[in-house]
Amino acid sequence: MEHHRGRVIDLSAFVSGGQEVRISTLADKEAAGEPDVANSFAEPDRVSPVESTARGATPRLEYRFPPLSLTVFELQVAQRTN
C-alpha cells in the first residue's frame, strides 16, 4: 500500500512562478516500505530514478513524496534586483 506524503514546496525565494522544475526521485518501484530494500540480480531496477517535470503559475509547488525516497528539484534560479 502506497502512502505518499503531500507537501507544498515554497520556491518564492528562488523563482517568481511559471518556472519549469525538473524532479528526480529515487525510490522503490514496489513501494513496499522496506527501509533496507536494494537492487539485486533478480530485481536490478527495483530501486531506480524516476524523472518528471512540473510547472506552476505560482512559486509554490505541491509534491507527493514516495515513502523512503530521495527527491531532487532542479530549477533555473531567478536573479533578483534590489
C-alpha atoms as a PDB file:
ATOM      1  CA  MET A   1       0.000   0.000   0.000  1.00  0.00           C
ATOM      2  CA  GLU A   2       1.453   3.380  -1.003  1.00  0.00           C
ATOM      3  CA  HIS A   3       1.330   6.287   1.436  1.00  0.00           C
ATOM      4  CA  HIS A   4       2.688   9.296  -0.415  1.00  0.00           C
ATOM      5  CA  ARG A   5       3.209  12.368   1.722  1.00  0.00           C
ATOM      6  CA  GLY A   6       1.932  15.528   0.040  1.00  0.00           C
ATOM      7  CA  ARG A   7       3.833  18.702   0.828  1.00  0.00           C
ATOM      8  CA  VAL A   8       3.831  22.246  -0.506  1.00  0.00           C
ATOM      9  CA  ILE A   9       7.305  23.417  -1.500  1.00  0.00           C
ATOM     10  CA  ASP A  10       7.707  27.210  -1.420  1.00  0.00           C
ATOM     11  CA  LEU A  11      10.200  28.265  -4.105  1.00  0.00           C
ATOM     12  CA  SER A  12       9.446  32.008  -3.864  1.00  0.00           C
ATOM     13  CA  ALA A  13      12.995  32.773  -2.690  1.00  0.00           C
ATOM     14  CA  PHE A  14      14.290  31.381  -6.000  1.00  0.00           C
ATOM     15  CA  VAL A  15      11.617  31.865  -8.700  1.00  0.00           C
ATOM     16  CA  SER A  16       8.637  34.117  -9.370  1.00  0.00           C
ATOM     17  CA  GLY A  17       6.316  31.488 -10.855  1.00  0.00           C
ATOM     18  CA  GLY A  18       5.688  29.817 -14.175  1.00  0.00           C
ATOM     19  CA  GLN A  19       9.073  28.142 -13.918  1.00  0.00           C
ATOM     20  CA  GLU A  20       9.633  24.566 -15.039  1.00  0.00           C
ATOM     21  CA  VAL A  21      11.040  22.374 -12.277  1.00  0.00           C
ATOM     22  CA  ARG A  22      12.783  19.103 -13.071  1.00  0.00           C
ATOM     23  CA  ILE A  23      12.166  16.449 -10.444  1.00  0.00           C
ATOM     24  CA  SER A  24      14.300  13.337  -9.931  1.00  0.00           C
ATOM     25  CA  THR A  25      13.067  10.785  -7.402  1.00  0.00           C
ATOM     26  CA  LEU A  26      14.970   7.685  -6.331  1.00  0.00           C
ATOM     27  CA  ALA A  27      12.538   5.177  -4.834  1.00  0.00           C
ATOM     28  CA  ASP A  28      11.472   1.546  -4.557  1.00  0.00           C
ATOM     29  CA  LYS A  29       9.252   0.798  -7.571  1.00  0.00           C
ATOM     30  CA  GLU A  30       7.253  -1.666  -5.468  1.00  0.00           C
ATOM     31  CA  ALA A  31       6.732   0.937  -2.695  1.00  0.00           C
ATOM     32  CA  ALA A  32       6.921  -1.888  -0.161  1.00  0.00           C
ATOM     33  CA  GLY A  33       8.059   0.391   2.677  1.00  0.00           C
ATOM     34  CA  GLU A  34      11.178  -1.675   3.347  1.00  0.00           C
ATOM     35  CA  PRO A  35      13.957   0.640   4.569  1.00  0.00           C
ATOM     36  CA  ASP A  36      16.718  -1.782   3.527  1.00  0.00           C
ATOM     37  CA  VAL A  37      15.471  -2.555   0.003  1.00  0.00           C
ATOM     38  CA  ALA A  38      18.194  -2.842  -2.638  1.00  0.00           C
ATOM     39  CA  ASN A  39      18.677  -3.824  -6.248  1.00  0.00           C
ATOM     40  CA  SER A  40      19.691  -7.433  -6.887  1.00  0.00           C
ATOM     41  CA  PHE A  41      20.403  -9.703  -9.838  1.00  0.00           C
ATOM     42  CA  ALA A  42      16.777 -10.863  -9.670  1.00  0.00           C
ATOM     43  CA  GLU A  43      15.446  -7.257  -9.495  1.00  0.00           C
ATOM     44  CA  PRO A  44      18.138  -4.952 -10.945  1.00  0.00           C
ATOM     45  CA  ASP A  45      15.783  -1.962 -11.308  1.00  0.00           C
ATOM     46  CA  ARG A  46      13.783  -2.220  -8.100  1.00  0.00           C
ATOM     47  CA  VAL A  47      15.299   0.998  -6.764  1.00  0.00           C
ATOM     48  CA  SER A  48      15.681   3.425  -9.642  1.00  0.00           C
ATOM     49  CA  PRO A  49      15.263   7.094 -10.512  1.00  0.00           C
ATOM     50  CA  VAL A  50      12.069   8.497 -11.999  1.00  0.00           C
ATOM     51  CA  GLU A  51      12.293  11.800 -13.882  1.00  0.00           C
ATOM     52  CA  SER A  52       9.400  14.252 -14.193  1.00  0.00           C
ATOM     53  CA  THR A  53       8.715  17.958 -14.613  1.00  0.00           C
ATOM     54  CA  ALA A  54       6.281  20.388 -13.062  1.00  0.00           C
ATOM     55  CA  ARG A  55       5.265  23.924 -13.922  1.00  0.00           C
ATOM     56  CA  GLY A  56       3.105  26.110 -11.767  1.00  0.00           C
ATOM     57  CA  ALA A  57       1.588  29.542 -12.132  1.00  0.00           C
ATOM     58  CA  THR A  58       2.923  30.414  -8.677  1.00  0.00           C
ATOM     59  CA  PRO A  59       6.239  29.687  -6.948  1.00  0.00           C
ATOM     60  CA  ARG A  60       4.514  27.147  -4.686  1.00  0.00           C
ATOM     61  CA  LEU A  61       4.668  23.530  -5.816  1.00  0.00           C
ATOM     62  CA  GLU A  62       2.655  20.708  -4.300  1.00  0.00           C
ATOM     63  CA  TYR A  63       4.530  17.404  -4.495  1.00  0.00           C
ATOM     64  CA  ARG A  64       3.720  13.947  -3.206  1.00  0.00           C
ATOM     65  CA  PHE A  65       6.870  12.270  -1.918  1.00  0.00           C
ATOM     66  CA  PRO A  66       7.024   8.470  -2.157  1.00  0.00           C
ATOM     67  CA  PRO A  67       7.917   6.867   1.184  1.00  0.00           C
ATOM     68  CA  LEU A  68      11.605   6.214   1.842  1.00  0.00           C
ATOM     69  CA  SER A  69      12.697   8.139  -1.237  1.00  0.00           C
ATOM     70  CA  LEU A  70      15.240  10.761  -2.225  1.00  0.00           C
ATOM     71  CA  THR A  71      13.924  13.670  -4.299  1.00  0.00           C
ATOM     72  CA  VAL A  72      15.926  16.391  -6.068  1.00  0.00           C
ATOM     73  CA  PHE A  73      14.346  19.548  -7.511  1.00  0.00           C
ATOM     74  CA  GLU A  74      16.275  21.355 -10.265  1.00  0.00           C
ATOM     75  CA  LEU A  75      15.293  24.829 -11.417  1.00  0.00           C
ATOM     76  CA  GLN A  76      16.733  27.936 -13.001  1.00  0.00           C
ATOM     77  CA  VAL A  77      17.173  30.456 -10.202  1.00  0.00           C
ATOM     78  CA  ALA A  78      15.854  33.958 -10.858  1.00  0.00           C
ATOM     79  CA  GLN A  79      18.296  36.802 -10.391  1.00  0.00           C
ATOM     80  CA  ARG A  80      16.828  39.401  -8.063  1.00  0.00           C
ATOM     81  CA  THR A  81      17.414  43.109  -8.395  1.00  0.00           C
ATOM     82  CA  ASN A  82      17.015  45.464  -5.453  1.00  0.00           C
END
